[in-house]
PDB file of N, CA and C in Angstrom:
ATOM      1  N   MET A   1      -7.423 -20.707 -10.676  1.00  0.00           N
ATOM      2  CA  MET A   1      -6.688 -21.910 -10.220  1.00  0.00           C
ATOM      3  C   MET A   1      -5.408 -22.082 -10.820  1.00  0.00           C
ATOM      4  N   PHE A   2      -5.099 -21.351 -11.864  1.00  0.00           N
ATOM      5  CA  PHE A   2      -3.751 -21.444 -12.321  1.00  0.00           C
ATOM      6  C   PHE A   2      -2.596 -21.140 -11.421  1.00  0.00           C
ATOM      7  N   TRP A   3      -2.973 -20.128 -10.493  1.00  0.00           N
ATOM      8  CA  TRP A   3      -1.964 -19.674  -9.433  1.00  0.00           C
ATOM      9  C   TRP A   3      -1.462 -20.904  -8.524  1.00  0.00           C
ATOM     10  N   LEU A   4      -2.426 -21.929  -8.419  1.00  0.00           N
ATOM     11  CA  LEU A   4      -2.079 -23.087  -7.652  1.00  0.00           C
ATOM     12  C   LEU A   4      -0.973 -23.918  -8.228  1.00  0.00           C
ATOM     13  N   ILE A   5      -1.098 -23.925  -9.537  1.00  0.00           N
ATOM     14  CA  ILE A   5       0.060 -24.625 -10.403  1.00  0.00           C
ATOM     15  C   ILE A   5       1.375 -24.034 -10.207  1.00  0.00           C
ATOM     16  N   ASN A   6       1.326 -22.762 -10.181  1.00  0.00           N
ATOM     17  CA  ASN A   6       2.658 -21.896 -10.051  1.00  0.00           C
ATOM     18  C   ASN A   6       3.142 -22.157  -8.555  1.00  0.00           C
ATOM     19  N   VAL A   7       2.308 -22.286  -7.614  1.00  0.00           N
ATOM     20  CA  VAL A   7       2.745 -22.555  -6.327  1.00  0.00           C
ATOM     21  C   VAL A   7       3.331 -23.867  -6.286  1.00  0.00           C
ATOM     22  N   LEU A   8       2.683 -24.962  -6.710  1.00  0.00           N
ATOM     23  CA  LEU A   8       3.196 -26.341  -6.760  1.00  0.00           C
ATOM     24  C   LEU A   8       4.377 -26.421  -7.432  1.00  0.00           C
ATOM     25  N   LYS A   9       4.638 -25.674  -8.453  1.00  0.00           N
ATOM     26  CA  LYS A   9       5.878 -25.721  -9.367  1.00  0.00           C
ATOM     27  C   LYS A   9       7.018 -25.038  -8.599  1.00  0.00           C
ATOM     28  N   GLY A  10       6.663 -24.292  -7.538  1.00  0.00           N
ATOM     29  CA  GLY A  10       7.685 -23.525  -6.944  1.00  0.00           C
ATOM     30  C   GLY A  10       8.132 -22.237  -7.334  1.00  0.00           C
ATOM     31  N   GLU A  11       7.295 -21.815  -8.411  1.00  0.00           N
ATOM     32  CA  GLU A  11       7.498 -20.444  -8.985  1.00  0.00           C
ATOM     33  C   GLU A  11       6.970 -19.327  -8.163  1.00  0.00           C
ATOM     34  N   MET A  12       6.056 -19.588  -7.393  1.00  0.00           N
ATOM     35  CA  MET A  12       5.393 -18.552  -6.625  1.00  0.00           C
ATOM     36  C   MET A  12       5.172 -19.078  -5.107  1.00  0.00           C
ATOM     37  N   ALA A  13       4.973 -18.145  -4.309  1.00  0.00           N
ATOM     38  CA  ALA A  13       4.561 -18.490  -2.948  1.00  0.00           C
ATOM     39  C   ALA A  13       3.088 -18.144  -2.589  1.00  0.00           C
ATOM     40  N   VAL A  14       2.459 -18.678  -1.674  1.00  0.00           N
ATOM     41  CA  VAL A  14       1.118 -18.291  -1.464  1.00  0.00           C
ATOM     42  C   VAL A  14       1.050 -16.827  -0.848  1.00  0.00           C
ATOM     43  N   ILE A  15       2.010 -16.407   0.049  1.00  0.00           N
ATOM     44  CA  ILE A  15       2.085 -15.167   0.568  1.00  0.00           C
ATOM     45  C   ILE A  15       3.540 -14.605   0.255  1.00  0.00           C
ATOM     46  N   GLY A  16       3.486 -13.350  -0.289  1.00  0.00           N
ATOM     47  CA  GLY A  16       4.654 -12.689  -0.606  1.00  0.00           C
ATOM     48  C   GLY A  16       4.365 -11.411  -1.450  1.00  0.00           C
ATOM     49  N   PRO A  17       5.287 -10.688  -1.805  1.00  0.00           N
ATOM     50  CA  PRO A  17       5.038  -9.448  -2.657  1.00  0.00           C
ATOM     51  C   PRO A  17       4.391  -9.880  -3.984  1.00  0.00           C
ATOM     52  N   ARG A  18       3.359  -9.173  -4.352  1.00  0.00           N
ATOM     53  CA  ARG A  18       2.787  -9.494  -5.765  1.00  0.00           C
ATOM     54  C   ARG A  18       3.836  -9.118  -6.845  1.00  0.00           C
ATOM     55  N   PRO A  19       3.711  -9.833  -7.988  1.00  0.00           N
ATOM     56  CA  PRO A  19       4.605  -9.553  -9.020  1.00  0.00           C
ATOM     57  C   PRO A  19       4.549  -8.068  -9.570  1.00  0.00           C
ATOM     58  N   TYR A  20       5.523  -7.548  -9.975  1.00  0.00           N
ATOM     59  CA  TYR A  20       5.477  -6.180 -10.481  1.00  0.00           C
ATOM     60  C   TYR A  20       5.577  -6.257 -12.081  1.00  0.00           C
ATOM     61  N   LEU A  21       4.967  -5.256 -12.767  1.00  0.00           N
ATOM     62  CA  LEU A  21       5.011  -5.187 -14.209  1.00  0.00           C
ATOM     63  C   LEU A  21       6.404  -4.515 -14.524  1.00  0.00           C
ATOM     64  N   PRO A  22       6.834  -4.878 -15.807  1.00  0.00           N
ATOM     65  CA  PRO A  22       8.092  -4.287 -16.178  1.00  0.00           C
ATOM     66  C   PRO A  22       8.397  -2.896 -15.880  1.00  0.00           C
ATOM     67  N   ASP A  23       7.398  -1.948 -16.251  1.00  0.00           N
ATOM     68  CA  ASP A  23       7.527  -0.546 -15.944  1.00  0.00           C
ATOM     69  C   ASP A  23       7.620  -0.157 -14.492  1.00  0.00           C
ATOM     70  N   GLU A  24       6.840  -0.936 -13.722  1.00  0.00           N
ATOM     71  CA  GLU A  24       6.868  -0.806 -12.278  1.00  0.00           C
ATOM     72  C   GLU A  24       8.271  -1.157 -11.586  1.00  0.00           C
ATOM     73  N   ILE A  25       8.879  -2.270 -12.220  1.00  0.00           N
ATOM     74  CA  ILE A  25      10.258  -2.409 -11.726  1.00  0.00           C
ATOM     75  C   ILE A  25      11.293  -1.337 -11.935  1.00  0.00           C
ATOM     76  N   LYS A  26      11.111  -0.602 -13.004  1.00  0.00           N
ATOM     77  CA  LYS A  26      11.939   0.521 -13.253  1.00  0.00           C
ATOM     78  C   LYS A  26      11.842   1.539 -12.235  1.00  0.00           C
ATOM     79  N   GLU A  27      10.557   1.689 -11.757  1.00  0.00           N
ATOM     80  CA  GLU A  27      10.217   2.602 -10.678  1.00  0.00           C
ATOM     81  C   GLU A  27      10.772   2.320  -9.257  1.00  0.00           C
ATOM     82  N   MET A  28      11.054   0.918  -9.117  1.00  0.00           N
ATOM     83  CA  MET A  28      11.502   0.503  -7.819  1.00  0.00           C
ATOM     84  C   MET A  28      12.904   0.967  -7.346  1.00  0.00           C
ATOM     85  N   GLY A  29      13.683   1.206  -8.401  1.00  0.00           N
ATOM     86  CA  GLY A  29      15.031   1.671  -8.070  1.00  0.00           C
ATOM     87  C   GLY A  29      15.722   0.622  -7.316  1.00  0.00           C
ATOM     88  N   ARG A  30      16.382   1.092  -6.072  1.00  0.00           N
ATOM     89  CA  ARG A  30      17.261   0.223  -5.437  1.00  0.00           C
ATOM     90  C   ARG A  30      16.450  -0.803  -4.514  1.00  0.00           C
ATOM     91  N   TYR A  31      15.163  -0.486  -4.496  1.00  0.00           N
ATOM     92  CA  TYR A  31      14.374  -1.549  -3.651  1.00  0.00           C
ATOM     93  C   TYR A  31      14.038  -2.866  -4.487  1.00  0.00           C
ATOM     94  N   PHE A  32      14.327  -2.788  -5.753  1.00  0.00           N
ATOM     95  CA  PHE A  32      14.177  -4.075  -6.646  1.00  0.00           C
ATOM     96  C   PHE A  32      15.108  -5.174  -6.101  1.00  0.00           C
ATOM     97  N   GLU A  33      16.213  -4.748  -5.439  1.00  0.00           N
ATOM     98  CA  GLU A  33      17.240  -5.804  -4.956  1.00  0.00           C
ATOM     99  C   GLU A  33      16.506  -6.593  -3.772  1.00  0.00           C
ATOM    100  N   TYR A  34      15.753  -5.941  -3.001  1.00  0.00           N
ATOM    101  CA  TYR A  34      14.960  -6.704  -1.961  1.00  0.00           C
ATOM    102  C   TYR A  34      13.869  -7.774  -2.639  1.00  0.00           C
ATOM    103  N   TYR A  35      13.155  -7.157  -3.579  1.00  0.00           N
ATOM    104  CA  TYR A  35      12.256  -7.934  -4.342  1.00  0.00           C
ATOM    105  C   TYR A  35      12.760  -9.276  -4.856  1.00  0.00           C
ATOM    106  N   LYS A  36      14.000  -9.208  -5.456  1.00  0.00           N
ATOM    107  CA  LYS A  36      14.507 -10.303  -6.103  1.00  0.00           C
ATOM    108  C   LYS A  36      14.923 -11.374  -5.125  1.00  0.00           C
ATOM    109  N   ARG A  37      14.960 -11.241  -3.916  1.00  0.00           N
ATOM    110  CA  ARG A  37      15.246 -12.161  -2.889  1.00  0.00           C
ATOM    111  C   ARG A  37      14.257 -13.247  -2.634  1.00  0.00           C
ATOM    112  N   VAL A  38      12.980 -12.877  -2.945  1.00  0.00           N
ATOM    113  CA  VAL A  38      11.818 -13.807  -2.628  1.00  0.00           C
ATOM    114  C   VAL A  38      11.093 -14.083  -3.932  1.00  0.00           C
ATOM    115  N   LYS A  39      10.306 -15.178  -3.674  1.00  0.00           N
ATOM    116  CA  LYS A  39       9.286 -15.487  -4.692  1.00  0.00           C
ATOM    117  C   LYS A  39       8.143 -14.643  -4.663  1.00  0.00           C
ATOM    118  N   PRO A  40       7.622 -14.179  -5.917  1.00  0.00           N
ATOM    119  CA  PRO A  40       6.327 -13.391  -5.729  1.00  0.00           C
ATOM    120  C   PRO A  40       5.273 -14.262  -5.166  1.00  0.00           C
ATOM    121  N   GLY A  41       4.277 -13.554  -4.537  1.00  0.00           N
ATOM    122  CA  GLY A  41       3.204 -14.232  -3.797  1.00  0.00           C
ATOM    123  C   GLY A  41       1.801 -14.019  -4.543  1.00  0.00           C
ATOM    124  N   ILE A  42       0.918 -14.934  -4.130  1.00  0.00           N
ATOM    125  CA  ILE A  42      -0.429 -14.735  -4.685  1.00  0.00           C
ATOM    126  C   ILE A  42      -1.181 -13.559  -3.980  1.00  0.00           C
ATOM    127  N   THR A  43      -0.823 -13.417  -2.632  1.00  0.00           N
ATOM    128  CA  THR A  43      -1.404 -12.464  -1.873  1.00  0.00           C
ATOM    129  C   THR A  43      -0.234 -12.027  -0.898  1.00  0.00           C
ATOM    130  N   GLY A  44      -0.382 -10.797  -0.241  1.00  0.00           N
ATOM    131  CA  GLY A  44       0.637 -10.453   0.711  1.00  0.00           C
ATOM    132  C   GLY A  44       0.236  -9.179   1.458  1.00  0.00           C
ATOM    133  N   LEU A  45       1.197  -8.580   2.080  1.00  0.00           N
ATOM    134  CA  LEU A  45       0.876  -7.439   3.029  1.00  0.00           C
ATOM    135  C   LEU A  45       0.256  -6.262   2.310  1.00  0.00           C
ATOM    136  N   TRP A  46       0.630  -6.013   1.097  1.00  0.00           N
ATOM    137  CA  TRP A  46      -0.083  -4.913   0.395  1.00  0.00           C
ATOM    138  C   TRP A  46      -1.568  -5.187   0.207  1.00  0.00           C
ATOM    139  N   GLN A  47      -2.036  -6.335  -0.157  1.00  0.00           N
ATOM    140  CA  GLN A  47      -3.293  -6.747  -0.286  1.00  0.00           C
ATOM    141  C   GLN A  47      -4.164  -6.405   1.090  1.00  0.00           C
ATOM    142  N   VAL A  48      -3.611  -6.664   2.194  1.00  0.00           N
ATOM    143  CA  VAL A  48      -4.365  -6.517   3.535  1.00  0.00           C
ATOM    144  C   VAL A  48      -3.998  -5.139   4.094  1.00  0.00           C
ATOM    145  N   SER A  49      -3.316  -4.264   3.429  1.00  0.00           N
ATOM    146  CA  SER A  49      -3.032  -2.953   3.989  1.00  0.00           C
ATOM    147  C   SER A  49      -3.468  -1.805   3.151  1.00  0.00           C
ATOM    148  N   GLY A  50      -4.413  -2.140   2.243  1.00  0.00           N
ATOM    149  CA  GLY A  50      -5.051  -1.030   1.424  1.00  0.00           C
ATOM    150  C   GLY A  50      -4.993  -1.218  -0.051  1.00  0.00           C
ATOM    151  N   ARG A  51      -4.278  -2.098  -0.576  1.00  0.00           N
ATOM    152  CA  ARG A  51      -4.319  -2.373  -2.038  1.00  0.00           C
ATOM    153  C   ARG A  51      -4.234  -1.037  -2.835  1.00  0.00           C
ATOM    154  N   ASN A  52      -5.042  -0.947  -3.717  1.00  0.00           N
ATOM    155  CA  ASN A  52      -5.082   0.203  -4.653  1.00  0.00           C
ATOM    156  C   ASN A  52      -5.338   1.592  -4.124  1.00  0.00           C
ATOM    157  N   GLU A  53      -5.632   1.595  -2.688  1.00  0.00           N
ATOM    158  CA  GLU A  53      -5.910   2.916  -2.007  1.00  0.00           C
ATOM    159  C   GLU A  53      -4.629   3.420  -1.716  1.00  0.00           C
ATOM    160  N   LEU A  54      -3.396   2.669  -1.768  1.00  0.00           N
ATOM    161  CA  LEU A  54      -2.130   3.172  -1.335  1.00  0.00           C
ATOM    162  C   LEU A  54      -1.438   3.675  -2.657  1.00  0.00           C
ATOM    163  N   PRO A  55      -0.590   4.703  -2.354  1.00  0.00           N
ATOM    164  CA  PRO A  55       0.367   5.160  -3.595  1.00  0.00           C
ATOM    165  C   PRO A  55       1.374   3.862  -3.983  1.00  0.00           C
ATOM    166  N   PHE A  56       1.803   3.897  -5.113  1.00  0.00           N
ATOM    167  CA  PHE A  56       2.810   2.955  -5.539  1.00  0.00           C
ATOM    168  C   PHE A  56       3.980   2.801  -4.690  1.00  0.00           C
ATOM    169  N   TYR A  57       4.461   3.991  -4.152  1.00  0.00           N
ATOM    170  CA  TYR A  57       5.736   3.959  -3.398  1.00  0.00           C
ATOM    171  C   TYR A  57       5.449   3.305  -2.026  1.00  0.00           C
ATOM    172  N   GLU A  58       4.306   3.354  -1.498  1.00  0.00           N
ATOM    173  CA  GLU A  58       3.932   2.707  -0.274  1.00  0.00           C
ATOM    174  C   GLU A  58       3.824   1.129  -0.465  1.00  0.00           C
ATOM    175  N   ARG A  59       3.397   0.843  -1.593  1.00  0.00           N
ATOM    176  CA  ARG A  59       3.359  -0.613  -1.964  1.00  0.00           C
ATOM    177  C   ARG A  59       4.860  -1.155  -1.835  1.00  0.00           C
ATOM    178  N   ILE A  60       5.683  -0.360  -2.470  1.00  0.00           N
ATOM    179  CA  ILE A  60       7.137  -0.818  -2.407  1.00  0.00           C
ATOM    180  C   ILE A  60       7.558  -0.920  -1.085  1.00  0.00           C
ATOM    181  N   LEU A  61       7.379   0.076  -0.250  1.00  0.00           N
ATOM    182  CA  LEU A  61       7.923   0.068   1.196  1.00  0.00           C
ATOM    183  C   LEU A  61       7.233  -0.969   1.946  1.00  0.00           C
ATOM    184  N   LEU A  62       5.855  -1.387   1.743  1.00  0.00           N
ATOM    185  CA  LEU A  62       5.327  -2.564   2.346  1.00  0.00           C
ATOM    186  C   LEU A  62       6.002  -3.805   2.037  1.00  0.00           C
ATOM    187  N   ASP A  63       6.350  -4.020   0.690  1.00  0.00           N
ATOM    188  CA  ASP A  63       6.917  -5.160   0.293  1.00  0.00           C
ATOM    189  C   ASP A  63       8.379  -5.323   0.904  1.00  0.00           C
ATOM    190  N   VAL A  64       9.162  -4.287   0.967  1.00  0.00           N
ATOM    191  CA  VAL A  64      10.376  -4.239   1.456  1.00  0.00           C
ATOM    192  C   VAL A  64      10.329  -4.523   2.966  1.00  0.00           C
ATOM    193  N   TRP A  65       9.339  -3.974   3.623  1.00  0.00           N
ATOM    194  CA  TRP A  65       9.301  -4.310   5.147  1.00  0.00           C
ATOM    195  C   TRP A  65       8.931  -5.752   5.280  1.00  0.00           C
ATOM    196  N   TYR A  66       8.014  -6.276   4.487  1.00  0.00           N
ATOM    197  CA  TYR A  66       7.655  -7.705   4.598  1.00  0.00           C
ATOM    198  C   TYR A  66       8.887  -8.619   4.456  1.00  0.00           C
ATOM    199  N   ILE A  67       9.593  -8.318   3.464  1.00  0.00           N
ATOM    200  CA  ILE A  67      10.807  -9.126   3.060  1.00  0.00           C
ATOM    201  C   ILE A  67      11.843  -9.115   4.260  1.00  0.00           C
ATOM    202  N   ARG A  68      11.946  -7.810   4.805  1.00  0.00           N
ATOM    203  CA  ARG A  68      12.981  -7.781   5.931  1.00  0.00           C
ATOM    204  C   ARG A  68      12.412  -8.286   7.208  1.00  0.00           C
ATOM    205  N   ASN A  69      11.189  -8.483   7.288  1.00  0.00           N
ATOM    206  CA  ASN A  69      10.523  -8.833   8.647  1.00  0.00           C
ATOM    207  C   ASN A  69       9.887 -10.118   8.554  1.00  0.00           C
ATOM    208  N   TRP A  70      10.012 -10.943   7.509  1.00  0.00           N
ATOM    209  CA  TRP A  70       9.291 -12.055   7.349  1.00  0.00           C
ATOM    210  C   TRP A  70       9.351 -13.027   8.495  1.00  0.00           C
ATOM    211  N   SER A  71       8.126 -13.660   8.853  1.00  0.00           N
ATOM    212  CA  SER A  71       7.968 -14.692   9.858  1.00  0.00           C
ATOM    213  C   SER A  71       6.802 -15.509   9.571  1.00  0.00           C
ATOM    214  N   PHE A  72       6.648 -16.695  10.209  1.00  0.00           N
ATOM    215  CA  PHE A  72       5.551 -17.455  10.056  1.00  0.00           C
ATOM    216  C   PHE A  72       4.331 -16.670  10.641  1.00  0.00           C
ATOM    217  N   GLU A  73       4.401 -15.986  11.792  1.00  0.00           N
ATOM    218  CA  GLU A  73       3.441 -15.214  12.357  1.00  0.00           C
ATOM    219  C   GLU A  73       3.067 -14.105  11.481  1.00  0.00           C
ATOM    220  N   LEU A  74       3.828 -13.478  10.845  1.00  0.00           N
ATOM    221  CA  LEU A  74       3.385 -12.493   9.902  1.00  0.00           C
ATOM    222  C   LEU A  74       2.517 -13.035   8.725  1.00  0.00           C
ATOM    223  N   ASP A  75       2.961 -14.146   8.160  1.00  0.00           N
ATOM    224  CA  ASP A  75       2.137 -14.821   7.111  1.00  0.00           C
ATOM    225  C   ASP A  75       0.781 -15.253   7.594  1.00  0.00           C
ATOM    226  N   PHE A  76       0.859 -15.759   8.961  1.00  0.00           N
ATOM    227  CA  PHE A  76      -0.400 -16.208   9.507  1.00  0.00           C
ATOM    228  C   PHE A  76      -1.431 -15.032   9.690  1.00  0.00           C
ATOM    229  N   MET A  77      -0.788 -13.844  10.155  1.00  0.00           N
ATOM    230  CA  MET A  77      -1.665 -12.648  10.303  1.00  0.00           C
ATOM    231  C   MET A  77      -2.320 -12.255   8.954  1.00  0.00           C
ATOM    232  N   ILE A  78      -1.497 -12.193   7.844  1.00  0.00           N
ATOM    233  CA  ILE A  78      -1.853 -11.969   6.572  1.00  0.00           C
ATOM    234  C   ILE A  78      -2.965 -12.903   6.088  1.00  0.00           C
ATOM    235  N   LEU A  79      -2.926 -14.206   6.487  1.00  0.00           N
ATOM    236  CA  LEU A  79      -4.003 -15.186   5.937  1.00  0.00           C
ATOM    237  C   LEU A  79      -5.143 -14.843   6.652  1.00  0.00           C
ATOM    238  N   LEU A  80      -5.078 -14.478   8.040  1.00  0.00           N
ATOM    239  CA  LEU A  80      -6.387 -14.132   8.713  1.00  0.00           C
ATOM    240  C   LEU A  80      -7.114 -12.894   8.089  1.00  0.00           C
ATOM    241  N   LYS A  81      -6.342 -11.984   7.705  1.00  0.00           N
ATOM    242  CA  LYS A  81      -6.910 -10.736   7.135  1.00  0.00           C
ATOM    243  C   LYS A  81      -7.499 -10.927   5.813  1.00  0.00           C
ATOM    244  N   ILE A  82      -6.909 -11.731   5.088  1.00  0.00           N
ATOM    245  CA  ILE A  82      -7.207 -11.850   3.651  1.00  0.00           C
ATOM    246  C   ILE A  82      -8.714 -12.154   3.374  1.00  0.00           C
ATOM    247  N   ALA A  83      -9.233 -13.123   4.329  1.00  0.00           N
ATOM    248  CA  ALA A  83     -10.751 -13.325   4.046  1.00  0.00           C
ATOM    249  C   ALA A  83     -11.547 -12.137   4.059  1.00  0.00           C
ATOM    250  N   TYR A  84     -11.385 -11.329   5.074  1.00  0.00           N
ATOM    251  CA  TYR A  84     -12.019 -10.049   5.349  1.00  0.00           C
ATOM    252  C   TYR A  84     -11.932  -9.176   4.019  1.00  0.00           C
ATOM    253  N   ILE A  85     -10.783  -9.053   3.485  1.00  0.00           N
ATOM    254  CA  ILE A  85     -10.504  -8.248   2.499  1.00  0.00           C
ATOM    255  C   ILE A  85     -11.144  -8.686   1.128  1.00  0.00           C
ATOM    256  N   VAL A  86     -11.107 -10.052   1.008  1.00  0.00           N
ATOM    257  CA  VAL A  86     -11.773 -10.623  -0.312  1.00  0.00           C
ATOM    258  C   VAL A  86     -13.344 -10.383  -0.205  1.00  0.00           C
ATOM    259  N   ILE A  87     -13.786 -10.587   1.017  1.00  0.00           N
ATOM    260  CA  ILE A  87     -15.255 -10.504   1.139  1.00  0.00           C
ATOM    261  C   ILE A  87     -15.827  -9.131   0.985  1.00  0.00           C
ATOM    262  N   THR A  88     -15.104  -8.129   1.556  1.00  0.00           N
ATOM    263  CA  THR A  88     -15.394  -6.653   1.372  1.00  0.00           C
ATOM    264  C   THR A  88     -14.987  -5.979   0.243  1.00  0.00           C
ATOM    265  N   ARG A  89     -13.987  -6.584  -0.450  1.00  0.00           N
ATOM    266  CA  ARG A  89     -13.419  -6.049  -1.711  1.00  0.00           C
ATOM    267  C   ARG A  89     -12.771  -4.648  -1.312  1.00  0.00           C
ATOM    268  N   LYS A  90     -12.413  -4.521  -0.067  1.00  0.00           N
ATOM    269  CA  LYS A  90     -11.661  -3.225   0.292  1.00  0.00           C
ATOM    270  C   LYS A  90     -10.492  -2.999  -0.499  1.00  0.00           C
ATOM    271  N   GLY A  91     -10.412  -1.836  -1.093  1.00  0.00           N
ATOM    272  CA  GLY A  91      -9.258  -1.353  -1.857  1.00  0.00           C
ATOM    273  C   GLY A  91      -9.127  -1.885  -3.377  1.00  0.00           C
ATOM    274  N   ALA A  92     -10.237  -2.664  -3.710  1.00  0.00           N
ATOM    275  CA  ALA A  92     -10.336  -3.169  -5.086  1.00  0.00           C
ATOM    276  C   ALA A  92     -10.997  -2.176  -5.850  1.00  0.00           C
ATOM    277  N   TYR A  93     -10.548  -2.103  -7.232  1.00  0.00           N
ATOM    278  CA  TYR A  93     -11.240  -1.274  -8.090  1.00  0.00           C
ATOM    279  C   TYR A  93     -11.748  -1.939  -9.327  1.00  0.00           C
TER     280      TYR A  93
END
């Protein structure tokens, strides 16, 4: 429930790229510039596209694609898919 406080405070979005760890940021290279443009999200395209089943580099590419192609329709699609992902735990370890 603490995530809700972060959303209400404006520190996070409901949908957006998940926060990266410091070591992961180093691996992002030039793509970190895209990530800095948006607030981190509680859930996002990576979670509904395979999560931990995807290599790290594909996670970065999904986040960049999301940032460059953001729309209300895209967020709505992600919200619709997230319920299925949570129930089936697809891609979770």
